[in-house]
Amino acid sequence: MAHCLKGMKMKEKTKTQRERFEETARQLECDEDEAKFNADLKKIAKAKAATGKSRSSKDG
């Protein structure tokens, strides 16, 4: 079994960075729709605003 893993690692190393990126993006079900990205980003921004926490806020 260890031999299979070695072969797998070698195969991964032969892929270009772009190929690995594209493969990961597909696995994460990412898409290239800018409107969807902006909508998802707004959801995240709203969630952070609702918590009232900010990284740049330094009281004290």
C-alpha atoms as a PDB file:
ATOM      1  CA  MET A   1       0.000   0.000   0.000  1.00  0.00           C
ATOM      2  CA  ALA A   2       2.856   2.377   0.737  1.00  0.00           C
ATOM      3  CA  HIS A   3       4.047   1.813  -2.803  1.00  0.00           C
ATOM      4  CA  CYS A   4       0.675   3.040  -4.136  1.00  0.00           C
ATOM      5  CA  LEU A   5       0.957   6.208  -2.087  1.00  0.00           C
ATOM      6  CA  LYS A   6       4.441   6.888  -3.420  1.00  0.00           C
ATOM      7  CA  GLY A   7       3.131   6.609  -6.969  1.00  0.00           C
ATOM      8  CA  MET A   8       0.288   8.924  -6.132  1.00  0.00           C
ATOM      9  CA  LYS A   9       2.634  11.549  -4.717  1.00  0.00           C
ATOM     10  CA  MET A  10       4.864  11.382  -7.784  1.00  0.00           C
ATOM     11  CA  LYS A  11       1.840  11.815 -10.018  1.00  0.00           C
ATOM     12  CA  GLU A  12       0.741  14.877  -8.025  1.00  0.00           C
ATOM     13  CA  LYS A  13       4.202  16.421  -8.353  1.00  0.00           C
ATOM     14  CA  THR A  14       4.101  16.090 -12.131  1.00  0.00           C
ATOM     15  CA  LYS A  15       0.997  18.289 -12.332  1.00  0.00           C
ATOM     16  CA  THR A  16       1.505  21.987 -12.868  1.00  0.00           C
ATOM     17  CA  GLN A  17       0.389  24.486 -10.254  1.00  0.00           C
ATOM     18  CA  ARG A  18      -2.425  25.535 -12.585  1.00  0.00           C
ATOM     19  CA  GLU A  19      -3.654  21.946 -12.944  1.00  0.00           C
ATOM     20  CA  ARG A  20      -3.647  21.476  -9.160  1.00  0.00           C
ATOM     21  CA  PHE A  21      -5.492  24.782  -8.698  1.00  0.00           C
ATOM     22  CA  GLU A  22      -8.136  23.891 -11.292  1.00  0.00           C
ATOM     23  CA  GLU A  23      -8.624  20.439  -9.795  1.00  0.00           C
ATOM     24  CA  THR A  24      -9.072  21.881  -6.301  1.00  0.00           C
ATOM     25  CA  ALA A  25     -11.488  24.527  -7.593  1.00  0.00           C
ATOM     26  CA  ARG A  26     -13.595  21.812  -9.230  1.00  0.00           C
ATOM     27  CA  GLN A  27     -13.619  19.739  -6.040  1.00  0.00           C
ATOM     28  CA  LEU A  28     -14.795  22.786  -4.082  1.00  0.00           C
ATOM     29  CA  GLU A  29     -17.458  23.435  -6.739  1.00  0.00           C
ATOM     30  CA  CYS A  30     -16.156  26.927  -7.475  1.00  0.00           C
ATOM     31  CA  ASP A  31     -17.326  28.791 -10.535  1.00  0.00           C
ATOM     32  CA  GLU A  32     -16.255  31.837 -12.512  1.00  0.00           C
ATOM     33  CA  ASP A  33     -19.516  33.783 -12.247  1.00  0.00           C
ATOM     34  CA  GLU A  34     -18.585  37.242 -10.966  1.00  0.00           C
ATOM     35  CA  ALA A  35     -22.162  38.056  -9.948  1.00  0.00           C
ATOM     36  CA  LYS A  36     -22.352  34.917  -7.791  1.00  0.00           C
ATOM     37  CA  PHE A  37     -18.989  35.758  -6.239  1.00  0.00           C
ATOM     38  CA  ASN A  38     -20.174  39.267  -5.350  1.00  0.00           C
ATOM     39  CA  ALA A  39     -23.418  37.915  -3.879  1.00  0.00           C
ATOM     40  CA  ASP A  40     -21.504  35.399  -1.748  1.00  0.00           C
ATOM     41  CA  LEU A  41     -19.067  38.119  -0.665  1.00  0.00           C
ATOM     42  CA  LYS A  42     -21.956  40.337   0.458  1.00  0.00           C
ATOM     43  CA  LYS A  43     -23.311  37.459   2.571  1.00  0.00           C
ATOM     44  CA  ILE A  44     -19.948  37.143   4.313  1.00  0.00           C
ATOM     45  CA  ALA A  45     -19.634  40.897   4.813  1.00  0.00           C
ATOM     46  CA  LYS A  46     -23.145  41.060   6.308  1.00  0.00           C
ATOM     47  CA  ALA A  47     -22.371  38.189   8.660  1.00  0.00           C
ATOM     48  CA  LYS A  48     -19.233  39.930   9.940  1.00  0.00           C
ATOM     49  CA  ALA A  49     -21.065  43.241  10.348  1.00  0.00           C
ATOM     50  CA  ALA A  50     -23.832  41.529  12.319  1.00  0.00           C
ATOM     51  CA  THR A  51     -21.342  40.179  14.858  1.00  0.00           C
ATOM     52  CA  GLY A  52     -20.055  43.694  15.463  1.00  0.00           C
ATOM     53  CA  LYS A  53     -16.451  42.536  15.471  1.00  0.00           C
ATOM     54  CA  SER A  54     -13.782  44.214  13.438  1.00  0.00           C
ATOM     55  CA  ARG A  55     -10.107  43.331  13.138  1.00  0.00           C
ATOM     56  CA  SER A  56      -9.061  46.955  12.835  1.00  0.00           C
ATOM     57  CA  SER A  57     -10.944  48.002  15.960  1.00  0.00           C
ATOM     58  CA  LYS A  58      -8.516  48.448  18.849  1.00  0.00           C
ATOM     59  CA  ASP A  59     -10.059  49.645  22.059  1.00  0.00           C
ATOM     60  CA  GLY A  60      -7.963  50.202  25.014  1.00  0.00           C
END
